[in-house]
């Protein structure tokens, strides 16, 4: 039975020829000749990914891969401390999941954080401008999720709640972008994108 029919590739990205070279290197009895062969294989592996040559740790990674493809049977003097077999089967540390409650999913956690920072911001024109931007963004986010007209009063109530009463505005002090303008702007952006796509396809077909 042929080698290709009975042996799976350990690292398929290097192909079967490289795997065969590594398998052969393991069988070489002379240690110095075995090491020389390993270095030649590393050079060939590096030439397969020339755009990675200047990446930090690339050479070290190649030697790690050589050890892995030999199933750690290649007894040579490695120029780096290569990866250990046990480390390949270690489970990565669990990333702690943020269980902090989000009051309104359509606004998101980032906006809640921004509101908290705004509350701490000193009074003045810049704070008012920031509140204006936040309120309009909240209205846009609301319409993106709910696809229906929303009164400004609803946005102001939510902003008041999320700021724990520290940001208290109303329609007399601030006028938000009209719902229809936000929704039409979204449709216009989508339409323009579709038109650009059609034009590109049309130009390709003409060539």
C-alpha atoms as a PDB file:
ATOM      1  CA  UNK A   1       0.000   0.000   0.000  1.00  0.00           C
ATOM      2  CA  UNK A   2       1.328   3.453  -0.882  1.00  0.00           C
ATOM      3  CA  UNK A   3       2.376   5.926   1.828  1.00  0.00           C
ATOM      4  CA  UNK A   4      -0.333   8.385   0.747  1.00  0.00           C
ATOM      5  CA  UNK A   5      -2.984   5.709   1.147  1.00  0.00           C
ATOM      6  CA  UNK A   6      -2.192   4.661   4.683  1.00  0.00           C
ATOM      7  CA  UNK A   7      -0.740   7.718   6.457  1.00  0.00           C
ATOM      8  CA  UNK A   8      -2.610  10.839   7.502  1.00  0.00           C
ATOM      9  CA  UNK A   9      -0.788  14.142   7.378  1.00  0.00           C
ATOM     10  CA  UNK A  10       0.015  15.503  10.824  1.00  0.00           C
ATOM     11  CA  UNK A  11       0.220  19.109   9.594  1.00  0.00           C
ATOM     12  CA  UNK A  12      -1.541  19.172   6.207  1.00  0.00           C
ATOM     13  CA  UNK A  13      -0.442  22.743   5.424  1.00  0.00           C
ATOM     14  CA  UNK A  14       3.074  21.466   4.649  1.00  0.00           C
ATOM     15  CA  UNK A  15       1.934  18.739   2.298  1.00  0.00           C
ATOM     16  CA  UNK A  16       2.886  15.094   1.916  1.00  0.00           C
ATOM     17  CA  UNK A  17       6.394  15.652   0.526  1.00  0.00           C
ATOM     18  CA  UNK A  18       7.533  17.508   3.641  1.00  0.00           C
ATOM     19  CA  UNK A  19       5.972  14.843   5.849  1.00  0.00           C
ATOM     20  CA  UNK A  20       7.892  12.163   3.946  1.00  0.00           C
ATOM     21  CA  UNK A  21      11.138  14.126   4.389  1.00  0.00           C
ATOM     22  CA  UNK A  22      10.555  14.353   8.139  1.00  0.00           C
ATOM     23  CA  UNK A  23       9.742  10.651   8.344  1.00  0.00           C
ATOM     24  CA  UNK A  24      12.972   9.887   6.483  1.00  0.00           C
ATOM     25  CA  UNK A  25      15.036  12.187   8.729  1.00  0.00           C
ATOM     26  CA  UNK A  26      13.916  10.225  11.788  1.00  0.00           C
ATOM     27  CA  UNK A  27      15.437   7.049  10.292  1.00  0.00           C
ATOM     28  CA  UNK A  28      18.910   8.542   9.667  1.00  0.00           C
ATOM     29  CA  UNK A  29      21.333   6.876  12.100  1.00  0.00           C
ATOM     30  CA  UNK A  30      24.126   9.447  12.154  1.00  0.00           C
ATOM     31  CA  UNK A  31      23.155  12.303  14.492  1.00  0.00           C
ATOM     32  CA  UNK A  32      25.074  15.049  12.652  1.00  0.00           C
ATOM     33  CA  UNK A  33      23.637  13.925   9.301  1.00  0.00           C
ATOM     34  CA  UNK A  34      20.185  13.768  10.874  1.00  0.00           C
ATOM     35  CA  UNK A  35      20.576  17.328  12.159  1.00  0.00           C
ATOM     36  CA  UNK A  36      21.807  18.552   8.771  1.00  0.00           C
ATOM     37  CA  UNK A  37      18.780  16.971   7.097  1.00  0.00           C
ATOM     38  CA  UNK A  38      16.463  18.629   9.640  1.00  0.00           C
ATOM     39  CA  UNK A  39      17.957  22.059   8.881  1.00  0.00           C
ATOM     40  CA  UNK A  40      17.415  21.500   5.156  1.00  0.00           C
ATOM     41  CA  UNK A  41      13.774  20.605   5.811  1.00  0.00           C
ATOM     42  CA  UNK A  42      13.361  23.770   7.905  1.00  0.00           C
ATOM     43  CA  UNK A  43      14.717  25.872   5.011  1.00  0.00           C
ATOM     44  CA  UNK A  44      12.221  24.286   2.626  1.00  0.00           C
ATOM     45  CA  UNK A  45       9.357  24.809   5.081  1.00  0.00           C
ATOM     46  CA  UNK A  46      10.340  28.468   5.469  1.00  0.00           C
ATOM     47  CA  UNK A  47      10.387  28.972   1.701  1.00  0.00           C
ATOM     48  CA  UNK A  48       6.772  27.850   1.575  1.00  0.00           C
ATOM     49  CA  UNK A  49       5.749  30.940   3.567  1.00  0.00           C
ATOM     50  CA  UNK A  50       8.162  33.717   2.495  1.00  0.00           C
ATOM     51  CA  UNK A  51       5.768  36.460   3.659  1.00  0.00           C
ATOM     52  CA  UNK A  52       6.189  35.241   7.252  1.00  0.00           C
ATOM     53  CA  UNK A  53       9.985  35.321   7.377  1.00  0.00           C
ATOM     54  CA  UNK A  54      10.118  38.653   9.211  1.00  0.00           C
ATOM     55  CA  UNK A  55       7.457  37.699  11.743  1.00  0.00           C
ATOM     56  CA  UNK A  56       8.795  37.325  15.274  1.00  0.00           C
ATOM     57  CA  UNK A  57       9.017  33.708  16.346  1.00  0.00           C
ATOM     58  CA  UNK A  58       8.448  32.309  12.850  1.00  0.00           C
ATOM     59  CA  UNK A  59      11.686  30.283  12.827  1.00  0.00           C
ATOM     60  CA  UNK A  60      10.899  28.920  16.288  1.00  0.00           C
ATOM     61  CA  UNK A  61       7.441  27.916  15.094  1.00  0.00           C
ATOM     62  CA  UNK A  62       8.959  25.977  12.187  1.00  0.00           C
ATOM     63  CA  UNK A  63      11.104  23.912  14.559  1.00  0.00           C
ATOM     64  CA  UNK A  64       8.029  23.270  16.708  1.00  0.00           C
ATOM     65  CA  UNK A  65       6.189  22.026  13.635  1.00  0.00           C
ATOM     66  CA  UNK A  66       9.130  19.820  12.645  1.00  0.00           C
ATOM     67  CA  UNK A  67       9.082  18.163  16.066  1.00  0.00           C
ATOM     68  CA  UNK A  68       5.322  17.660  15.845  1.00  0.00           C
ATOM     69  CA  UNK A  69       5.499  16.133  12.355  1.00  0.00           C
ATOM     70  CA  UNK A  70       8.151  13.699  13.575  1.00  0.00           C
ATOM     71  CA  UNK A  71       5.825  12.790  16.433  1.00  0.00           C
ATOM     72  CA  UNK A  72       8.685  13.963  18.677  1.00  0.00           C
ATOM     73  CA  UNK A  73      10.910  11.098  17.490  1.00  0.00           C
ATOM     74  CA  UNK A  74      13.484  13.312  15.754  1.00  0.00           C
ATOM     75  CA  UNK A  75      16.525  13.184  18.034  1.00  0.00           C
ATOM     76  CA  UNK A  76      18.608  16.249  17.107  1.00  0.00           C
ATOM     77  CA  UNK A  77      20.108  19.347  18.701  1.00  0.00           C
ATOM     78  CA  UNK A  78      17.251  21.825  18.297  1.00  0.00           C
ATOM     79  CA  UNK A  79      18.256  25.507  18.151  1.00  0.00           C
ATOM     80  CA  UNK A  80      15.153  26.316  20.209  1.00  0.00           C
ATOM     81  CA  UNK A  81      13.312  24.650  23.033  1.00  0.00           C
ATOM     82  CA  UNK A  82      10.515  23.055  21.084  1.00  0.00           C
ATOM     83  CA  UNK A  83       6.969  22.452  22.187  1.00  0.00           C
ATOM     84  CA  UNK A  84       6.362  19.468  24.481  1.00  0.00           C
ATOM     85  CA  UNK A  85       3.926  16.671  23.521  1.00  0.00           C
ATOM     86  CA  UNK A  86       1.916  17.202  26.710  1.00  0.00           C
ATOM     87  CA  UNK A  87       1.276  20.858  25.913  1.00  0.00           C
ATOM     88  CA  UNK A  88      -0.499  19.954  22.667  1.00  0.00           C
ATOM     89  CA  UNK A  89      -3.345  18.351  24.565  1.00  0.00           C
ATOM     90  CA  UNK A  90      -3.755  20.953  27.276  1.00  0.00           C
ATOM     91  CA  UNK A  91      -7.098  22.676  27.298  1.00  0.00           C
ATOM     92  CA  UNK A  92      -6.862  26.471  27.038  1.00  0.00           C
ATOM     93  CA  UNK A  93      -7.778  28.444  30.123  1.00  0.00           C
ATOM     94  CA  UNK A  94     -11.428  29.236  30.279  1.00  0.00           C
ATOM     95  CA  UNK A  95     -12.229  32.846  29.417  1.00  0.00           C
ATOM     96  CA  UNK A  96     -14.410  34.260  32.173  1.00  0.00           C
ATOM     97  CA  UNK A  97     -17.825  35.156  30.855  1.00  0.00           C
ATOM     98  CA  UNK A  98     -19.074  38.605  31.697  1.00  0.00           C
ATOM     99  CA  UNK A  99     -22.314  37.989  33.540  1.00  0.00           C
ATOM    100  CA  UNK A 100     -22.988  41.650  34.227  1.00  0.00           C
ATOM    101  CA  UNK A 101     -26.607  42.429  33.454  1.00  0.00           C
ATOM    102  CA  UNK A 102     -27.385  44.568  30.405  1.00  0.00           C
ATOM    103  CA  UNK A 103     -30.558  46.572  31.027  1.00  0.00           C
ATOM    104  CA  UNK A 104     -31.424  47.116  27.349  1.00  0.00           C
ATOM    105  CA  UNK A 105     -29.846  44.750  24.829  1.00  0.00           C
ATOM    106  CA  UNK A 106     -30.498  47.077  21.882  1.00  0.00           C
ATOM    107  CA  UNK A 107     -28.297  49.757  23.466  1.00  0.00           C
ATOM    108  CA  UNK A 108     -25.512  47.383  24.475  1.00  0.00           C
ATOM    109  CA  UNK A 109     -22.928  47.408  27.244  1.00  0.00           C
ATOM    110  CA  UNK A 110     -20.600  49.884  25.558  1.00  0.00           C
ATOM    111  CA  UNK A 111     -23.257  52.582  25.564  1.00  0.00           C
ATOM    112  CA  UNK A 112     -24.004  51.949  29.239  1.00  0.00           C
ATOM    113  CA  UNK A 113     -20.304  52.412  29.982  1.00  0.00           C
ATOM    114  CA  UNK A 114     -20.239  55.632  27.944  1.00  0.00           C
ATOM    115  CA  UNK A 115     -23.220  56.987  29.879  1.00  0.00           C
ATOM    116  CA  UNK A 116     -21.464  56.303  33.184  1.00  0.00           C
ATOM    117  CA  UNK A 117     -18.388  58.183  31.959  1.00  0.00           C
ATOM    118  CA  UNK A 118     -20.559  61.074  30.792  1.00  0.00           C
ATOM    119  CA  UNK A 119     -22.143  61.355  34.238  1.00  0.00           C
ATOM    120  CA  UNK A 120     -18.636  61.947  35.652  1.00  0.00           C
ATOM    121  CA  UNK A 121     -17.860  64.542  32.978  1.00  0.00           C
ATOM    122  CA  UNK A 122     -17.772  68.178  34.213  1.00  0.00           C
ATOM    123  CA  UNK A 123     -20.745  70.383  33.390  1.00  0.00           C
ATOM    124  CA  UNK A 124     -20.377  72.444  30.258  1.00  0.00           C
ATOM    125  CA  UNK A 125     -20.893  72.612  26.513  1.00  0.00           C
ATOM    126  CA  UNK A 126     -18.756  69.540  25.768  1.00  0.00           C
ATOM    127  CA  UNK A 127     -20.818  67.449  28.192  1.00  0.00           C
ATOM    128  CA  UNK A 128     -24.017  68.669  26.538  1.00  0.00           C
ATOM    129  CA  UNK A 129     -22.651  67.777  23.100  1.00  0.00           C
ATOM    130  CA  UNK A 130     -21.755  64.313  24.363  1.00  0.00           C
ATOM    131  CA  UNK A 131     -25.257  63.808  25.767  1.00  0.00           C
ATOM    132  CA  UNK A 132     -26.677  64.925  22.398  1.00  0.00           C
ATOM    133  CA  UNK A 133     -24.574  62.305  20.580  1.00  0.00           C
ATOM    134  CA  UNK A 134     -25.478  59.564  23.059  1.00  0.00           C
ATOM    135  CA  UNK A 135     -29.210  60.262  22.869  1.00  0.00           C
ATOM    136  CA  UNK A 136     -29.217  60.256  19.057  1.00  0.00           C
ATOM    137  CA  UNK A 137     -27.171  57.052  19.009  1.00  0.00           C
ATOM    138  CA  UNK A 138     -29.655  55.457  21.415  1.00  0.00           C
ATOM    139  CA  UNK A 139     -32.495  56.383  19.091  1.00  0.00           C
ATOM    140  CA  UNK A 140     -30.649  54.934  16.099  1.00  0.00           C
ATOM    141  CA  UNK A 141     -29.912  51.708  18.021  1.00  0.00           C
ATOM    142  CA  UNK A 142     -33.543  51.451  19.130  1.00  0.00           C
ATOM    143  CA  UNK A 143     -34.795  51.779  15.544  1.00  0.00           C
ATOM    144  CA  UNK A 144     -32.206  49.312  14.262  1.00  0.00           C
ATOM    145  CA  UNK A 145     -33.519  46.638  16.609  1.00  0.00           C
ATOM    146  CA  UNK A 146     -37.214  47.474  16.736  1.00  0.00           C
ATOM    147  CA  UNK A 147     -37.867  48.779  13.194  1.00  0.00           C
ATOM    148  CA  UNK A 148     -40.618  51.103  14.394  1.00  0.00           C
ATOM    149  CA  UNK A 149     -41.016  54.787  15.190  1.00  0.00           C
ATOM    150  CA  UNK A 150     -39.986  55.744  18.707  1.00  0.00           C
ATOM    151  CA  UNK A 151     -40.867  58.919  20.581  1.00  0.00           C
ATOM    152  CA  UNK A 152     -38.005  61.026  21.869  1.00  0.00           C
ATOM    153  CA  UNK A 153     -39.567  60.827  25.326  1.00  0.00           C
ATOM    154  CA  UNK A 154     -38.855  57.082  25.413  1.00  0.00           C
ATOM    155  CA  UNK A 155     -35.170  57.721  24.645  1.00  0.00           C
ATOM    156  CA  UNK A 156     -34.959  60.413  27.321  1.00  0.00           C
ATOM    157  CA  UNK A 157     -36.607  58.117  29.877  1.00  0.00           C
ATOM    158  CA  UNK A 158     -34.153  55.302  29.079  1.00  0.00           C
ATOM    159  CA  UNK A 159     -31.207  57.699  29.286  1.00  0.00           C
ATOM    160  CA  UNK A 160     -32.443  58.968  32.633  1.00  0.00           C
ATOM    161  CA  UNK A 161     -32.776  55.402  33.897  1.00  0.00           C
ATOM    162  CA  UNK A 162     -29.380  54.242  32.621  1.00  0.00           C
ATOM    163  CA  UNK A 163     -27.692  57.285  34.168  1.00  0.00           C
ATOM    164  CA  UNK A 164     -29.533  56.668  37.457  1.00  0.00           C
ATOM    165  CA  UNK A 165     -31.226  60.049  37.178  1.00  0.00           C
ATOM    166  CA  UNK A 166     -28.014  61.982  36.613  1.00  0.00           C
ATOM    167  CA  UNK A 167     -28.831  62.891  33.008  1.00  0.00           C
ATOM    168  CA  UNK A 168     -32.269  64.452  32.908  1.00  0.00           C
ATOM    169  CA  UNK A 169     -33.270  65.946  29.557  1.00  0.00           C
ATOM    170  CA  UNK A 170     -36.553  66.407  27.698  1.00  0.00           C
ATOM    171  CA  UNK A 171     -37.875  67.427  24.295  1.00  0.00           C
ATOM    172  CA  UNK A 172     -37.778  71.092  25.302  1.00  0.00           C
ATOM    173  CA  UNK A 173     -34.033  71.036  25.915  1.00  0.00           C
ATOM    174  CA  UNK A 174     -33.021  68.655  23.117  1.00  0.00           C
ATOM    175  CA  UNK A 175     -34.483  67.653  19.751  1.00  0.00           C
ATOM    176  CA  UNK A 176     -33.346  64.337  18.329  1.00  0.00           C
ATOM    177  CA  UNK A 177     -33.103  63.335  14.691  1.00  0.00           C
ATOM    178  CA  UNK A 178     -36.532  62.329  13.387  1.00  0.00           C
ATOM    179  CA  UNK A 179     -37.195  58.582  13.268  1.00  0.00           C
ATOM    180  CA  UNK A 180     -38.077  58.666   9.565  1.00  0.00           C
ATOM    181  CA  UNK A 181     -34.795  60.416   8.735  1.00  0.00           C
ATOM    182  CA  UNK A 182     -32.769  57.764  10.605  1.00  0.00           C
ATOM    183  CA  UNK A 183     -34.663  54.950   8.915  1.00  0.00           C
ATOM    184  CA  UNK A 184     -34.476  56.573   5.464  1.00  0.00           C
ATOM    185  CA  UNK A 185     -30.763  57.149   5.930  1.00  0.00           C
ATOM    186  CA  UNK A 186     -30.316  53.439   6.606  1.00  0.00           C
ATOM    187  CA  UNK A 187     -32.287  52.521   3.503  1.00  0.00           C
ATOM    188  CA  UNK A 188     -30.350  55.059   1.415  1.00  0.00           C
ATOM    189  CA  UNK A 189     -27.016  53.647   2.602  1.00  0.00           C
ATOM    190  CA  UNK A 190     -28.138  50.114   1.773  1.00  0.00           C
ATOM    191  CA  UNK A 191     -29.423  51.243  -1.636  1.00  0.00           C
ATOM    192  CA  UNK A 192     -26.170  53.032  -2.465  1.00  0.00           C
ATOM    193  CA  UNK A 193     -24.186  49.956  -1.468  1.00  0.00           C
ATOM    194  CA  UNK A 194     -26.341  47.752  -3.713  1.00  0.00           C
ATOM    195  CA  UNK A 195     -25.976  50.214  -6.612  1.00  0.00           C
ATOM    196  CA  UNK A 196     -22.181  50.235  -6.225  1.00  0.00           C
ATOM    197  CA  UNK A 197     -22.170  46.446  -6.224  1.00  0.00           C
ATOM    198  CA  UNK A 198     -24.298  46.350  -9.377  1.00  0.00           C
ATOM    199  CA  UNK A 199     -22.033  48.887 -11.111  1.00  0.00           C
ATOM    200  CA  UNK A 200     -18.929  46.881 -10.245  1.00  0.00           C
ATOM    201  CA  UNK A 201     -20.481  43.697 -11.598  1.00  0.00           C
ATOM    202  CA  UNK A 202     -21.626  45.519 -14.723  1.00  0.00           C
ATOM    203  CA  UNK A 203     -18.139  46.903 -15.342  1.00  0.00           C
ATOM    204  CA  UNK A 204     -16.608  43.456 -14.947  1.00  0.00           C
ATOM    205  CA  UNK A 205     -19.031  42.005 -17.493  1.00  0.00           C
ATOM    206  CA  UNK A 206     -18.142  44.712 -20.015  1.00  0.00           C
ATOM    207  CA  UNK A 207     -14.448  43.878 -19.868  1.00  0.00           C
END
